Protein backbone atom coordinates (compact mmCIF):
# COMPACT_ATOMS: atom_id res chain seq x y z
CA MET A 1 130.94 -62.51 75.11
CA SER A 2 130.37 -65.34 77.57
CA MET A 3 131.93 -65.60 81.02
CA ALA A 4 134.09 -68.53 79.88
CA GLY A 5 135.56 -66.44 77.07
CA ILE A 6 136.35 -63.56 79.45
CA LEU A 7 138.06 -65.92 81.90
CA LEU A 8 140.02 -67.58 79.10
CA GLY A 9 141.21 -64.20 77.81
CA LEU A 10 142.22 -63.09 81.30
CA PHE A 11 144.12 -66.32 81.85
CA VAL A 12 145.98 -65.98 78.54
CA LEU A 13 146.86 -62.32 79.28
CA VAL A 14 148.19 -63.05 82.77
CA MET A 15 150.11 -66.10 81.60
CA ALA A 16 151.71 -64.13 78.76
CA ALA A 17 152.73 -61.33 81.14
CA VAL A 18 154.28 -63.67 83.71
CA THR A 19 156.06 -65.69 81.03
CA ALA A 20 157.46 -62.52 79.44
CA VAL A 21 158.75 -61.26 82.80
CA GLY A 22 160.29 -64.62 83.66
CA TRP A 23 161.96 -64.99 80.29
CA PHE A 24 163.22 -61.42 80.44
CA VAL A 25 164.79 -61.93 83.87
CA LEU A 26 166.28 -65.35 83.17
CA SER A 27 167.72 -64.34 79.79
CA ARG A 28 169.79 -61.52 81.27
CA ARG A 29 173.42 -62.45 81.79
CA ALA A 30 176.34 -60.46 83.12
CA ALA A 31 178.67 -59.28 80.32
CA PRO A 32 182.43 -59.91 80.60
CA ASP A 33 183.02 -56.19 80.57
CA ARG A 34 180.99 -53.97 82.88
CA ASP A 35 181.05 -51.12 80.36
CA ARG A 36 179.20 -53.28 77.83
CA THR A 37 176.31 -54.09 80.15
CA PRO A 38 173.25 -52.04 79.16
CA GLU A 39 171.37 -50.20 81.85
CA PRO A 40 168.05 -51.87 82.63
CA GLY A 41 164.87 -49.99 82.02
CA ALA A 42 162.26 -49.00 84.53
CA ALA A 43 160.00 -51.98 83.77
CA ARG A 44 162.88 -54.42 84.23
CA GLU A 45 163.87 -52.83 87.53
CA VAL A 46 160.32 -53.05 88.86
CA ALA A 47 160.00 -56.69 87.81
CA GLN A 48 163.36 -57.61 89.32
CA SER A 49 162.57 -55.78 92.55
CA LEU A 50 159.19 -57.51 92.83
CA LEU A 51 160.66 -60.96 92.18
CA HIS A 52 163.51 -60.31 94.60
CA ARG A 53 161.11 -59.30 97.37
CA LEU A 54 158.93 -62.34 96.81
CA GLY A 55 161.91 -64.69 96.84
CA SER A 56 163.53 -63.05 99.86
CA ALA A 57 160.49 -63.97 101.95
CA LEU A 58 161.61 -67.62 101.83
CA PRO A 59 164.41 -68.54 104.29
CA ALA A 60 165.92 -71.02 101.82
CA ALA A 61 166.84 -68.18 99.46
CA HIS A 62 169.49 -66.89 101.90
CA LYS A 63 171.27 -70.18 102.66
CA GLU A 64 174.85 -70.43 101.41
CA GLY A 65 174.53 -74.15 100.64
CA ASN A 66 171.37 -73.77 98.57
CA PRO A 67 171.57 -76.22 95.61
CA TYR A 68 169.86 -73.71 93.36
CA ARG A 69 172.89 -71.43 93.62
CA ARG A 70 175.05 -73.91 91.76
CA LYS A 71 172.29 -74.74 89.29
CA LEU A 72 171.75 -71.07 88.47
CA ALA A 73 175.51 -70.55 88.11
CA ALA A 74 175.64 -73.47 85.67
CA ALA A 75 172.88 -71.79 83.65
CA GLY A 76 174.80 -68.49 83.58
CA TYR A 77 173.19 -66.62 86.51
CA ALA A 78 175.94 -66.28 89.10
CA ARG A 79 174.77 -63.06 90.77
CA VAL A 80 174.00 -63.02 94.48
CA SER A 81 170.40 -61.99 93.79
CA ALA A 82 169.81 -64.86 91.37
CA VAL A 83 168.50 -67.30 94.01
CA PRO A 84 165.92 -64.89 95.58
CA MET A 85 164.74 -63.86 92.13
CA PHE A 86 164.38 -67.48 91.08
CA TYR A 87 162.31 -68.24 94.18
CA GLY A 88 160.25 -65.13 93.44
CA LEU A 89 159.63 -66.45 89.93
CA LYS A 90 158.49 -69.79 91.36
CA ILE A 91 156.10 -68.03 93.76
CA GLY A 92 154.75 -65.81 90.98
CA PHE A 93 154.08 -68.73 88.64
CA ALA A 94 152.45 -70.69 91.47
CA ALA A 95 150.17 -67.80 92.45
CA VAL A 96 149.08 -67.01 88.92
CA LEU A 97 148.38 -70.61 87.95
CA ALA A 98 146.58 -71.29 91.23
CA LEU A 99 144.34 -68.27 90.69
CA ALA A 100 143.67 -69.16 87.05
CA CYS A 101 142.91 -72.82 87.77
CA GLY A 102 140.71 -71.92 90.75
CA VAL A 103 138.67 -69.39 88.75
CA ALA A 104 138.32 -71.81 85.83
CA SER A 105 137.18 -74.60 88.14
CA ALA A 106 134.71 -72.31 89.90
CA SER A 107 133.15 -71.30 86.59
CA GLN A 108 132.75 -74.93 85.55
CA THR A 109 131.74 -76.82 88.69
CA GLY A 110 131.07 -74.21 91.35
CA THR A 111 132.02 -76.51 94.26
CA GLY A 112 134.57 -75.41 96.83
CA PHE A 113 136.44 -78.73 96.93
CA ALA A 114 136.95 -78.81 93.17
CA MET A 115 138.08 -75.18 93.21
CA LEU A 116 140.58 -75.88 96.00
CA ALA A 117 141.92 -79.00 94.27
CA ALA A 118 142.35 -77.14 90.96
CA ALA A 119 144.11 -74.25 92.72
CA LEU A 120 146.50 -76.62 94.49
CA CYS A 121 147.30 -78.45 91.26
CA GLY A 122 147.94 -75.15 89.48
CA ALA A 123 150.14 -73.90 92.33
CA GLY A 124 152.21 -77.10 92.31
CA PHE A 125 152.64 -77.00 88.53
CA GLY A 126 153.57 -73.31 88.60
CA PHE A 127 156.07 -73.83 91.42
CA LEU A 128 157.83 -76.63 89.49
CA LEU A 129 157.69 -74.98 86.06
CA PRO A 130 160.77 -72.71 86.56
CA ASP A 131 162.86 -75.78 87.42
CA ARG A 132 162.04 -77.24 84.06
CA LEU A 133 162.91 -73.97 82.34
CA LEU A 134 166.19 -73.82 84.27
CA ARG A 135 167.16 -77.33 83.18
CA GLY A 136 166.56 -76.36 79.57
CA LYS A 137 168.64 -73.22 79.91
CA THR A 138 171.47 -75.20 81.56
CA ALA A 139 171.51 -77.83 78.83
CA ALA A 140 171.54 -75.18 76.11
CA ARG A 141 174.42 -73.36 77.80
CA HIS A 142 176.40 -76.59 78.17
CA ASP A 143 176.03 -77.17 74.43
CA ARG A 144 177.33 -73.68 73.71
CA LEU A 145 180.28 -74.13 76.05
CA ARG A 146 181.13 -77.50 74.53
CA ALA A 147 181.03 -76.05 71.03
CA GLY A 148 183.48 -73.27 71.93
CA ILE A 149 186.10 -75.33 73.76
CA PRO A 150 188.02 -76.51 70.62
CA VAL A 151 188.32 -72.92 69.39
CA ALA A 152 189.44 -71.80 72.85
CA LEU A 153 192.10 -74.53 72.91
CA ASP A 154 193.45 -73.32 69.57
CA LEU A 155 193.63 -69.72 70.75
CA LEU A 156 195.23 -70.77 74.05
CA THR A 157 197.80 -72.82 72.14
CA LEU A 158 198.69 -69.90 69.86
CA ALA A 159 199.01 -67.52 72.80
CA VAL A 160 201.11 -69.87 74.90
CA GLU A 161 203.45 -70.81 72.05
CA ALA A 162 203.85 -67.11 71.25
CA GLY A 163 205.46 -66.65 74.68
CA GLN A 164 202.55 -65.36 76.75
CA GLY A 165 201.76 -66.62 80.23
CA LEU A 166 198.60 -68.49 81.09
CA ASP A 167 196.93 -65.40 82.58
CA LEU A 168 197.45 -63.27 79.48
CA ALA A 169 196.57 -66.22 77.23
CA MET A 170 193.20 -66.62 78.98
CA MET A 171 192.54 -62.89 78.63
CA GLU A 172 193.35 -62.91 74.89
CA THR A 173 191.25 -66.03 74.40
CA ALA A 174 188.32 -64.42 76.21
CA ARG A 175 188.56 -61.41 73.93
CA GLY A 176 188.76 -63.58 70.83
CA LEU A 177 185.66 -65.55 71.79
CA ALA A 178 183.54 -62.58 72.86
CA VAL A 179 181.53 -62.54 69.60
CA THR A 180 181.35 -66.17 68.52
CA HIS A 181 181.18 -67.91 71.92
CA PRO A 182 180.16 -65.33 74.54
CA ASP A 183 179.37 -67.87 77.29
CA LEU A 184 182.84 -69.39 77.28
CA SER A 185 184.33 -65.91 76.92
CA ARG A 186 182.59 -64.81 80.14
CA GLU A 187 183.91 -67.83 82.02
CA LEU A 188 187.49 -67.26 80.91
CA TRP A 189 187.19 -63.56 81.60
CA GLN A 190 185.95 -64.25 85.10
CA ALA A 191 188.85 -66.63 85.68
CA HIS A 192 191.25 -63.97 84.46
CA LEU A 193 189.78 -61.38 86.84
CA GLU A 194 190.07 -63.84 89.73
CA LEU A 195 193.74 -64.39 88.87
CA ARG A 196 194.30 -60.64 88.81
CA ALA A 197 192.72 -60.48 92.27
CA SER A 198 195.64 -62.63 93.54
CA LYS A 199 193.61 -65.81 93.89
CA PRO A 200 195.63 -69.05 93.68
CA ARG A 201 195.78 -70.28 90.10
CA GLN A 202 194.90 -73.85 91.03
CA GLU A 203 191.81 -72.72 92.93
CA VAL A 204 190.68 -70.48 90.06
CA LEU A 205 191.02 -73.27 87.51
CA GLN A 206 189.19 -75.72 89.75
CA LEU A 207 186.34 -73.26 90.19
CA LEU A 208 186.25 -72.76 86.42
CA GLY A 209 185.53 -76.45 85.96
CA GLU A 210 183.16 -76.90 88.89
CA ARG A 211 180.80 -73.97 88.67
CA ASN A 212 179.55 -74.80 85.17
CA GLY A 213 178.99 -78.53 85.45
CA GLU A 214 180.20 -79.14 81.89
CA PRO A 215 182.45 -82.26 81.73
CA GLU A 216 184.60 -81.01 78.84
CA LEU A 217 185.29 -77.70 80.57
CA ARG A 218 186.13 -79.62 83.74
CA LYS A 219 188.64 -81.70 81.75
CA LEU A 220 190.21 -78.54 80.33
CA ALA A 221 190.52 -77.06 83.82
CA GLY A 222 192.09 -80.31 85.06
CA LEU A 223 194.58 -80.22 82.20
CA LEU A 224 195.60 -76.66 83.06
CA VAL A 225 195.86 -77.55 86.76
CA ASP A 226 198.10 -80.53 86.06
CA ALA A 227 200.31 -78.58 83.70
CA ASP A 228 200.69 -75.78 86.24
CA ARG A 229 201.35 -78.24 89.08
CA PHE A 230 204.00 -80.37 87.35
CA GLY A 231 205.54 -77.58 85.28
CA THR A 232 205.03 -79.28 81.91
CA SER A 233 204.79 -77.42 78.62
CA LEU A 234 201.28 -76.20 77.90
CA GLY A 235 201.53 -75.97 74.10
CA PRO A 236 201.79 -79.67 73.19
CA ALA A 237 199.27 -80.64 75.90
CA LEU A 238 196.68 -78.14 74.63
CA ARG A 239 197.27 -79.19 71.03
CA THR A 240 196.82 -82.88 71.86
CA HIS A 241 193.69 -82.19 73.89
CA ALA A 242 192.18 -80.10 71.09
CA LYS A 243 192.80 -82.94 68.61
CA TYR A 244 191.29 -85.47 71.00
CA LEU A 245 188.23 -83.28 71.65
CA ARG A 246 187.57 -82.68 67.95
CA THR A 247 187.87 -86.42 67.28
CA ARG A 248 185.42 -87.16 70.08
CA LEU A 249 182.92 -84.56 68.91
CA ARG A 250 183.14 -85.97 65.38
CA GLN A 251 182.49 -89.46 66.69
CA GLN A 252 179.51 -88.22 68.70
CA ALA A 253 178.09 -86.52 65.61
CA GLN A 254 178.53 -89.70 63.59
CA ALA A 255 176.83 -91.76 66.33
CA SER A 256 173.92 -89.30 66.39
CA ALA A 257 173.63 -89.51 62.61
CA ARG A 258 173.47 -93.32 62.77
CA LYS A 259 170.63 -93.13 65.28
CA VAL A 260 168.48 -91.07 62.94
CA GLY A 261 167.37 -94.14 61.00
CA VAL A 262 166.16 -95.89 64.13
CA LYS A 263 164.39 -92.77 65.40
CA LEU A 264 162.60 -92.38 62.05
CA ILE A 265 160.93 -95.78 62.36
CA PHE A 266 158.12 -94.54 64.58
CA PRO A 267 157.10 -91.44 62.54
CA VAL A 268 157.40 -93.45 59.33
CA PHE A 269 155.31 -96.33 60.65
CA PHE A 270 152.61 -94.29 62.37
CA LEU A 271 152.44 -91.19 60.10
CA ILE A 272 153.82 -91.83 56.64
CA PHE A 273 153.04 -95.53 56.17
CA PRO A 274 149.26 -95.14 56.78
CA SER A 275 149.12 -92.32 54.22
CA VAL A 276 150.97 -94.49 51.65
CA LEU A 277 148.57 -97.36 52.30
CA LEU A 278 145.60 -95.02 51.93
CA VAL A 279 146.85 -93.67 48.60
CA THR A 280 147.91 -97.02 47.13
CA LEU A 281 145.26 -99.39 48.48
CA GLY A 282 142.39 -96.96 48.80
CA PRO A 283 141.28 -96.98 45.12
CA ALA A 284 141.73 -100.75 44.92
CA CYS A 285 139.54 -101.27 47.99
CA ILE A 286 136.88 -99.03 46.51
CA MET A 287 136.90 -100.94 43.22
CA VAL A 288 136.70 -104.30 45.00
CA TYR A 289 133.81 -103.04 47.13
CA LYS A 290 131.92 -101.84 44.04
CA GLN A 291 132.48 -105.16 42.26
CA ILE A 292 131.27 -107.16 45.25
CA GLN A 293 128.22 -104.88 45.60
CA THR A 294 127.39 -105.33 41.91
CA MET A 295 127.69 -109.11 42.18
CA LEU A 296 125.45 -109.17 45.26
CA THR A 297 122.76 -106.95 43.72
CA GLY A 298 122.80 -109.03 40.49
CA MET A 299 122.25 -112.39 42.16
CA PRO A 300 118.70 -113.79 42.08
CA GLN A 301 116.74 -113.68 45.31
């Protein structure tokens, strides 16, 4: 096996290991009930400890106003150690990609400047890659939260109209959504625990809307805050908001369906249309070419 093949195999192995560790760490979320949280294995503990130590070396990981704290909370990682571990993941990706790009450049060119430039490019790409992964995780979580809000409104309406208070209604709703919509269930469960810890209800509801960054959840929190502030009945307000939200989601789905035709123009024009032309006009072009060639060869010189 050549040196290039060995370096390529090493690069693929290291990249797969780092990606697996990063995905394993980022995909772990805190369960609404502590008893349901599985105990991490030895490999997970070692990876988390290593990432935490790497991230703790940066001073920005310990700042209270770090913007990554809110971004990670919006993606579902609200633990205190989430920011140092995220920085550790950025450092790990940067180091691995810098090493891989430097070794690959050294095997191709052999010059120190090209090796340094490739290592710097790999380090920059690796340092920014977790941000892209975090944005994807946040957008996916927002979609899951948005999909569970109408069901949560129905459960809240049933609980409130049955005579339960808002605290118990949120607890029952969190239990009802634990299987179908676990992300929204965790948020409601956390709000319920904060209410049980004697936190002001208005502050708890405002935090519920702010820490996720989802506009529909922020609207729901604002509705609950206004109803609690002015003393209005929650049942009709929740029922009206659920009807409005379902109508809006239906309109958004219809708008997305109407855009499909426009989006299909480019793949149809560049992928399907050339194939149709090749199948339909290809034989005709061949026949015309043969006829012209026969006429040219039959003409007297």
